[in-house]
C-alpha atoms as a PDB file:
ATOM      1  CA  MET A   1      85.225  57.988-139.367  1.00  0.00           C
ATOM      2  CA  ALA A   2      82.664  57.234-136.696  1.00  0.00           C
ATOM      3  CA  ALA A   3      81.704  53.849-136.539  1.00  0.00           C
ATOM      4  CA  ALA A   4      77.934  53.426-137.229  1.00  0.00           C
ATOM      5  CA  ASP A   5      75.817  54.840-134.677  1.00  0.00           C
ATOM      6  CA  PRO A   6      75.901  51.841-131.514  1.00  0.00           C
ATOM      7  CA  GLU A   7      73.329  51.528-129.569  1.00  0.00           C
ATOM      8  CA  VAL A   8      74.069  52.729-126.043  1.00  0.00           C
ATOM      9  CA  VAL A   9      71.938  52.443-122.904  1.00  0.00           C
ATOM     10  CA  VAL A  10      73.232  55.849-120.422  1.00  0.00           C
ATOM     11  CA  HIS A  11      72.969  56.082-116.955  1.00  0.00           C
ATOM     12  CA  ALA A  12      71.176  59.682-115.920  1.00  0.00           C
ATOM     13  CA  GLY A  13      71.192  59.111-112.430  1.00  0.00           C
ATOM     14  CA  PRO A  14      69.056  56.314-111.502  1.00  0.00           C
ATOM     15  CA  VAL A  15      67.036  56.508-114.897  1.00  0.00           C
ATOM     16  CA  ARG A  16      68.162  54.703-118.011  1.00  0.00           C
ATOM     17  CA  LEU A  17      67.763  56.117-121.267  1.00  0.00           C
ATOM     18  CA  HIS A  18      68.198  55.196-124.759  1.00  0.00           C
ATOM     19  CA  GLY A  19      71.002  56.398-126.764  1.00  0.00           C
ATOM     20  CA  GLN A  20      73.539  56.789-130.511  1.00  0.00           C
ATOM     21  CA  LEU A  21      77.222  57.249-129.419  1.00  0.00           C
ATOM     22  CA  SER A  22      79.513  57.985-132.340  1.00  0.00           C
ATOM     23  CA  VAL A  23      83.553  57.775-131.383  1.00  0.00           C
ATOM     24  CA  PRO A  24      85.415  58.683-133.978  1.00  0.00           C
ATOM     25  CA  GLU A  25      89.046  57.190-134.080  1.00  0.00           C
ATOM     26  CA  GLY A  26      91.341  59.524-132.969  1.00  0.00           C
ATOM     27  CA  ALA A  27      88.603  61.987-130.862  1.00  0.00           C
ATOM     28  CA  THR A  28      89.115  65.497-129.448  1.00  0.00           C
ATOM     29  CA  GLY A  29      86.229  66.190-127.587  1.00  0.00           C
ATOM     30  CA  ILE A  30      82.905  65.457-126.988  1.00  0.00           C
ATOM     31  CA  VAL A  31      79.183  66.680-127.965  1.00  0.00           C
ATOM     32  CA  VAL A  32      76.271  65.466-126.167  1.00  0.00           C
ATOM     33  CA  PHE A  33      72.698  66.217-127.698  1.00  0.00           C
ATOM     34  CA  ALA A  34      69.314  68.145-126.013  1.00  0.00           C
ATOM     35  CA  HIS A  35      66.401  68.008-128.212  1.00  0.00           C
ATOM     36  CA  GLY A  36      63.807  69.734-127.883  1.00  0.00           C
ATOM     37  CA  SER A  37      59.976  68.700-126.982  1.00  0.00           C
ATOM     38  CA  GLY A  38      58.463  66.162-129.550  1.00  0.00           C
ATOM     39  CA  SER A  39      61.396  65.082-130.383  1.00  0.00           C
ATOM     40  CA  SER A  40      64.250  62.001-129.936  1.00  0.00           C
ATOM     41  CA  ARG A  41      67.448  60.932-130.372  1.00  0.00           C
ATOM     42  CA  HIS A  42      66.175  59.845-134.279  1.00  0.00           C
ATOM     43  CA  SER A  43      65.906  64.045-134.679  1.00  0.00           C
ATOM     44  CA  PRO A  44      66.671  63.766-138.230  1.00  0.00           C
ATOM     45  CA  ARG A  45      67.886  66.979-137.813  1.00  0.00           C
ATOM     46  CA  ASN A  46      70.306  66.403-135.237  1.00  0.00           C
ATOM     47  CA  ARG A  47      71.521  63.696-136.419  1.00  0.00           C
ATOM     48  CA  PHE A  48      72.791  65.297-139.446  1.00  0.00           C
ATOM     49  CA  VAL A  49      74.932  67.617-137.279  1.00  0.00           C
ATOM     50  CA  SER A  50      75.890  65.201-135.509  1.00  0.00           C
ATOM     51  CA  THR A  51      77.389  63.480-139.000  1.00  0.00           C
ATOM     52  CA  SER A  52      79.451  66.917-139.415  1.00  0.00           C
ATOM     53  CA  LEU A  53      80.314  66.797-135.929  1.00  0.00           C
ATOM     54  CA  ASN A  54      82.090  63.035-136.077  1.00  0.00           C
ATOM     55  CA  LYS A  55      83.846  64.235-139.515  1.00  0.00           C
ATOM     56  CA  ALA A  56      85.488  67.029-137.562  1.00  0.00           C
ATOM     57  CA  GLY A  57      86.785  64.354-134.926  1.00  0.00           C
ATOM     58  CA  LEU A  58      84.019  65.298-131.681  1.00  0.00           C
ATOM     59  CA  VAL A  59      82.290  61.940-130.127  1.00  0.00           C
ATOM     60  CA  THR A  60      78.716  62.498-130.384  1.00  0.00           C
ATOM     61  CA  LEU A  61      76.076  61.072-128.148  1.00  0.00           C
ATOM     62  CA  LEU A  62      72.721  61.806-128.653  1.00  0.00           C
ATOM     63  CA  PHE A  63      69.614  60.441-126.248  1.00  0.00           C
ATOM     64  CA  ASP A  64      66.290  60.277-124.793  1.00  0.00           C
ATOM     65  CA  LEU A  65      66.108  62.691-122.052  1.00  0.00           C
ATOM     66  CA  LEU A  66      62.602  60.785-121.046  1.00  0.00           C
ATOM     67  CA  THR A  67      61.463  57.223-120.394  1.00  0.00           C
ATOM     68  CA  ALA A  68      58.583  56.313-122.643  1.00  0.00           C
ATOM     69  CA  GLU A  69      56.520  56.516-119.289  1.00  0.00           C
ATOM     70  CA  GLU A  70      57.455  59.655-118.724  1.00  0.00           C
ATOM     71  CA  GLU A  71      56.917  61.104-122.285  1.00  0.00           C
ATOM     72  CA  LEU A  72      53.494  60.671-121.497  1.00  0.00           C
ATOM     73  CA  ASP A  73      53.004  63.577-118.588  1.00  0.00           C
ATOM     74  CA  ARG A  74      53.514  66.621-121.040  1.00  0.00           C
ATOM     75  CA  ALA A  75      55.345  68.586-117.882  1.00  0.00           C
ATOM     76  CA  HIS A  76      58.492  66.392-118.082  1.00  0.00           C
ATOM     77  CA  VAL A  77      58.863  67.750-121.576  1.00  0.00           C
ATOM     78  CA  PHE A  78      58.970  71.414-120.660  1.00  0.00           C
ATOM     79  CA  ASP A  79      60.597  70.427-117.089  1.00  0.00           C
ATOM     80  CA  THR A  80      63.865  72.546-118.304  1.00  0.00           C
ATOM     81  CA  ALA A  81      65.639  71.858-114.540  1.00  0.00           C
ATOM     82  CA  LEU A  82      64.910  67.689-114.694  1.00  0.00           C
ATOM     83  CA  LEU A  83      66.156  67.617-118.893  1.00  0.00           C
ATOM     84  CA  ALA A  84      69.539  69.736-117.715  1.00  0.00           C
ATOM     85  CA  ARG A  85      69.627  67.117-114.741  1.00  0.00           C
ATOM     86  CA  ARG A  86      69.405  64.119-116.853  1.00  0.00           C
ATOM     87  CA  LEU A  87      71.886  66.526-119.452  1.00  0.00           C
ATOM     88  CA  ALA A  88      74.540  66.552-116.720  1.00  0.00           C
ATOM     89  CA  ASP A  89      73.796  63.221-115.249  1.00  0.00           C
ATOM     90  CA  ALA A  90      74.584  61.713-119.193  1.00  0.00           C
ATOM     91  CA  THR A  91      77.627  63.458-119.574  1.00  0.00           C
ATOM     92  CA  CYS A  92      78.716  61.880-115.875  1.00  0.00           C
ATOM     93  CA  TRP A  93      78.017  58.537-117.464  1.00  0.00           C
ATOM     94  CA  LEU A  94      80.163  59.604-120.816  1.00  0.00           C
ATOM     95  CA  THR A  95      83.041  61.004-119.724  1.00  0.00           C
ATOM     96  CA  GLY A  96      83.383  58.206-117.128  1.00  0.00           C
ATOM     97  CA  ARG A  97      83.452  55.987-120.117  1.00  0.00           C
ATOM     98  CA  SER A  98      87.481  54.794-121.092  1.00  0.00           C
ATOM     99  CA  GLU A  99      87.250  56.132-124.797  1.00  0.00           C
ATOM    100  CA  THR A 100      86.024  59.299-123.847  1.00  0.00           C
ATOM    101  CA  HIS A 101      88.048  60.146-120.517  1.00  0.00           C
ATOM    102  CA  GLY A 102      89.514  63.474-120.072  1.00  0.00           C
ATOM    103  CA  LEU A 103      87.925  64.775-123.593  1.00  0.00           C
ATOM    104  CA  ALA A 104      86.549  68.152-123.063  1.00  0.00           C
ATOM    105  CA  VAL A 105      82.438  68.533-123.226  1.00  0.00           C
ATOM    106  CA  GLY A 106      80.128  70.855-125.253  1.00  0.00           C
ATOM    107  CA  TYR A 107      76.597  70.704-125.437  1.00  0.00           C
ATOM    108  CA  PHE A 108      73.964  71.265-128.937  1.00  0.00           C
ATOM    109  CA  GLY A 109      70.313  72.179-127.606  1.00  0.00           C
ATOM    110  CA  ALA A 110      67.956  72.369-129.879  1.00  0.00           C
ATOM    111  CA  SER A 111      64.510  74.203-129.472  1.00  0.00           C
ATOM    112  CA  THR A 112      63.714  73.937-126.129  1.00  0.00           C
ATOM    113  CA  GLY A 113      66.428  71.686-125.633  1.00  0.00           C
ATOM    114  CA  ALA A 114      68.321  74.322-125.887  1.00  0.00           C
ATOM    115  CA  ALA A 115      67.669  75.345-123.226  1.00  0.00           C
ATOM    116  CA  ALA A 116      67.953  72.480-120.836  1.00  0.00           C
ATOM    117  CA  ALA A 117      71.885  72.557-122.264  1.00  0.00           C
ATOM    118  CA  LEU A 118      72.153  76.298-120.924  1.00  0.00           C
ATOM    119  CA  TRP A 119      70.292  75.581-117.415  1.00  0.00           C
ATOM    120  CA  ALA A 120      73.105  72.428-117.491  1.00  0.00           C
ATOM    121  CA  ALA A 121      76.253  74.499-118.334  1.00  0.00           C
ATOM    122  CA  ALA A 122      75.279  77.115-115.677  1.00  0.00           C
ATOM    123  CA  GLU A 123      75.477  74.262-113.094  1.00  0.00           C
ATOM    124  CA  PRO A 124      79.214  76.052-110.730  1.00  0.00           C
ATOM    125  CA  ASP A 125      80.564  72.219-111.413  1.00  0.00           C
ATOM    126  CA  SER A 126      78.951  71.737-114.905  1.00  0.00           C
ATOM    127  CA  PRO A 127      82.571  70.423-117.482  1.00  0.00           C
ATOM    128  CA  ALA A 128      80.758  72.188-120.480  1.00  0.00           C
ATOM    129  CA  VAL A 129      83.395  74.948-122.078  1.00  0.00           C
ATOM    130  CA  ALA A 130      80.951  75.769-125.450  1.00  0.00           C
ATOM    131  CA  VAL A 131      77.339  75.582-126.013  1.00  0.00           C
ATOM    132  CA  VAL A 132      75.266  76.006-129.604  1.00  0.00           C
ATOM    133  CA  SER A 133      71.684  76.636-129.922  1.00  0.00           C
ATOM    134  CA  ARG A 134      69.981  75.460-133.112  1.00  0.00           C
ATOM    135  CA  GLY A 135      66.663  77.784-133.503  1.00  0.00           C
ATOM    136  CA  GLY A 136      66.259  77.447-129.640  1.00  0.00           C
ATOM    137  CA  ARG A 137      64.804  78.412-126.741  1.00  0.00           C
ATOM    138  CA  PRO A 138      67.900  79.744-124.540  1.00  0.00           C
ATOM    139  CA  ASP A 139      64.745  82.050-122.573  1.00  0.00           C
ATOM    140  CA  LEU A 140      63.288  79.395-121.306  1.00  0.00           C
ATOM    141  CA  ALA A 141      66.986  79.156-118.852  1.00  0.00           C
ATOM    142  CA  GLY A 142      65.265  82.183-117.550  1.00  0.00           C
ATOM    143  CA  PRO A 143      67.950  83.144-114.849  1.00  0.00           C
ATOM    144  CA  ARG A 144      70.286  80.904-115.635  1.00  0.00           C
ATOM    145  CA  LEU A 145      71.677  82.653-118.588  1.00  0.00           C
ATOM    146  CA  SER A 146      73.916  85.051-116.382  1.00  0.00           C
ATOM    147  CA  ALA A 147      75.795  81.451-114.327  1.00  0.00           C
ATOM    148  CA  VAL A 148      76.832  80.407-118.211  1.00  0.00           C
ATOM    149  CA  THR A 149      80.204  80.414-118.579  1.00  0.00           C
ATOM    150  CA  ALA A 150      80.718  78.533-121.644  1.00  0.00           C
ATOM    151  CA  PRO A 151      80.850  80.386-124.558  1.00  0.00           C
ATOM    152  CA  THR A 152      77.255  80.352-126.162  1.00  0.00           C
ATOM    153  CA  LEU A 153      76.599  79.887-130.406  1.00  0.00           C
ATOM    154  CA  LEU A 154      72.805  81.028-131.000  1.00  0.00           C
ATOM    155  CA  ILE A 155      72.014  79.894-134.510  1.00  0.00           C
ATOM    156  CA  VAL A 156      68.777  81.593-135.278  1.00  0.00           C
ATOM    157  CA  GLY A 157      66.382  81.213-138.972  1.00  0.00           C
ATOM    158  CA  GLY A 158      66.203  85.068-140.142  1.00  0.00           C
ATOM    159  CA  ASP A 159      62.572  84.256-140.800  1.00  0.00           C
ATOM    160  CA  ASP A 160      62.035  82.892-137.396  1.00  0.00           C
ATOM    161  CA  GLU A 161      61.125  86.001-136.364  1.00  0.00           C
ATOM    162  CA  MET A 162      59.791  85.415-132.756  1.00  0.00           C
ATOM    163  CA  VAL A 163      62.515  83.010-131.684  1.00  0.00           C
ATOM    164  CA  LEU A 164      65.368  85.411-133.267  1.00  0.00           C
ATOM    165  CA  ASP A 165      63.802  88.308-130.914  1.00  0.00           C
ATOM    166  CA  LEU A 166      64.357  85.619-128.017  1.00  0.00           C
ATOM    167  CA  ASN A 167      67.434  84.812-128.672  1.00  0.00           C
ATOM    168  CA  ARG A 168      68.482  88.414-129.179  1.00  0.00           C
ATOM    169  CA  GLN A 169      66.533  89.140-125.380  1.00  0.00           C
ATOM    170  CA  ALA A 170      68.121  85.891-123.376  1.00  0.00           C
ATOM    171  CA  GLN A 171      71.737  87.562-125.339  1.00  0.00           C
ATOM    172  CA  ALA A 172      71.371  90.105-123.606  1.00  0.00           C
ATOM    173  CA  LEU A 173      71.543  88.440-120.610  1.00  0.00           C
ATOM    174  CA  LEU A 174      74.446  86.450-120.965  1.00  0.00           C
ATOM    175  CA  ARG A 175      78.177  87.389-119.159  1.00  0.00           C
ATOM    176  CA  CYS A 176      80.188  84.597-121.261  1.00  0.00           C
ATOM    177  CA  GLU A 177      81.818  84.835-124.714  1.00  0.00           C
ATOM    178  CA  SER A 178      78.568  84.492-127.105  1.00  0.00           C
ATOM    179  CA  ARG A 179      77.323  85.356-130.537  1.00  0.00           C
ATOM    180  CA  LEU A 180      73.906  85.153-132.471  1.00  0.00           C
ATOM    181  CA  ALA A 181      74.088  83.702-135.731  1.00  0.00           C
ATOM    182  CA  VAL A 182      71.518  84.501-138.426  1.00  0.00           C
ATOM    183  CA  VAL A 183      70.483  82.358-141.308  1.00  0.00           C
ATOM    184  CA  PRO A 184      69.358  84.202-144.311  1.00  0.00           C
ATOM    185  CA  GLY A 185      66.160  83.175-145.359  1.00  0.00           C
ATOM    186  CA  ALA A 186      66.000  80.406-142.631  1.00  0.00           C
ATOM    187  CA  THR A 187      62.552  79.481-140.684  1.00  0.00           C
ATOM    188  CA  HIS A 188      62.998  77.350-136.988  1.00  0.00           C
ATOM    189  CA  LEU A 189      63.426  74.225-138.563  1.00  0.00           C
ATOM    190  CA  PHE A 190      65.672  75.392-141.376  1.00  0.00           C
ATOM    191  CA  GLU A 191      63.645  72.433-143.924  1.00  0.00           C
ATOM    192  CA  GLU A 192      64.987  75.200-146.756  1.00  0.00           C
ATOM    193  CA  PRO A 193      68.500  74.364-149.474  1.00  0.00           C
ATOM    194  CA  GLY A 194      71.249  74.707-147.927  1.00  0.00           C
ATOM    195  CA  ALA A 195      70.107  76.412-144.439  1.00  0.00           C
ATOM    196  CA  LEU A 196      71.260  72.918-142.529  1.00  0.00           C
ATOM    197  CA  GLY A 197      73.916  72.929-143.824  1.00  0.00           C
ATOM    198  CA  GLU A 198      75.154  76.036-142.600  1.00  0.00           C
ATOM    199  CA  VAL A 199      74.227  75.072-138.758  1.00  0.00           C
ATOM    200  CA  ALA A 200      76.230  72.243-138.785  1.00  0.00           C
ATOM    201  CA  GLY A 201      78.889  74.340-140.870  1.00  0.00           C
ATOM    202  CA  LEU A 202      78.669  77.245-137.278  1.00  0.00           C
ATOM    203  CA  ALA A 203      78.403  74.328-134.472  1.00  0.00           C
ATOM    204  CA  ARG A 204      81.914  72.425-136.125  1.00  0.00           C
ATOM    205  CA  GLU A 205      83.260  75.463-136.016  1.00  0.00           C
ATOM    206  CA  TRP A 206      82.334  76.907-132.408  1.00  0.00           C
ATOM    207  CA  PHE A 207      82.703  73.135-131.367  1.00  0.00           C
ATOM    208  CA  VAL A 208      86.080  72.887-133.145  1.00  0.00           C
ATOM    209  CA  GLY A 209      87.499  75.990-132.203  1.00  0.00           C
ATOM    210  CA  HIS A 210      86.576  76.146-128.590  1.00  0.00           C
ATOM    211  CA  LEU A 211      86.635  72.290-127.234  1.00  0.00           C
ATOM    212  CA  SER A 212      90.230  71.922-129.060  1.00  0.00           C
ATOM    213  CA  ARG A 213      91.914  74.673-126.622  1.00  0.00           C
ATOM    214  CA  ARG A 214      90.517  72.553-123.786  1.00  0.00           C
ATOM    215  CA  ALA A 215      91.361  68.922-124.853  1.00  0.00           C
ATOM    216  CA  GLY A 216      93.491  66.923-123.304  1.00  0.00           C
ATOM    217  CA  PRO A 217      93.903  64.515-119.998  1.00  0.00           C
ATOM    218  CA  GLY A 218      91.480  66.815-117.226  1.00  0.00           C
ATOM    219  CA  GLY A 219      90.636  69.004-119.689  1.00  0.00           C
END
């Protein structure tokens, strides 16, 4: 089990951001979360998924992608390139820590945060070996999608029709291993009974399966 989520200060380049880092004993991989617009490291849905991943032996980092001052400018909230850079910088900081060094990295993006996760994963030097999108907007990663090499799981609610259509279109642009998982009867926030549990199970299976292949020093 992970220790109680400790507050950390994430070094994302020159910026310092607040985060929650959970490191379970005998961790076998890392998942860094990218939340959607209007959300934060306190997102109850992402924290639910994070707890499930911790129980499977995965380190999780939930952090605020922007400072409080930056959030006041709505342009920053939808600046996918900026958010992806923060995600990449935070990953570099995290993998440099003694308790996480050498562990394989995955990205979990929710809503607009999924675009940032895919954008970051498309970078030539990205350490990400798996990506999961929950109710995501991968279309916002635009031309970067074809450069993603990390196996990607797109999870969408069956009743979230517009986002489901956007995910189908985005998947067609991916050149990596990918899967579109539709949760029947679920809407955008997966608030229906059992829906979020299904999301957590799908994400856990994807990350455990792919991160374990790349575990170990230098993995």
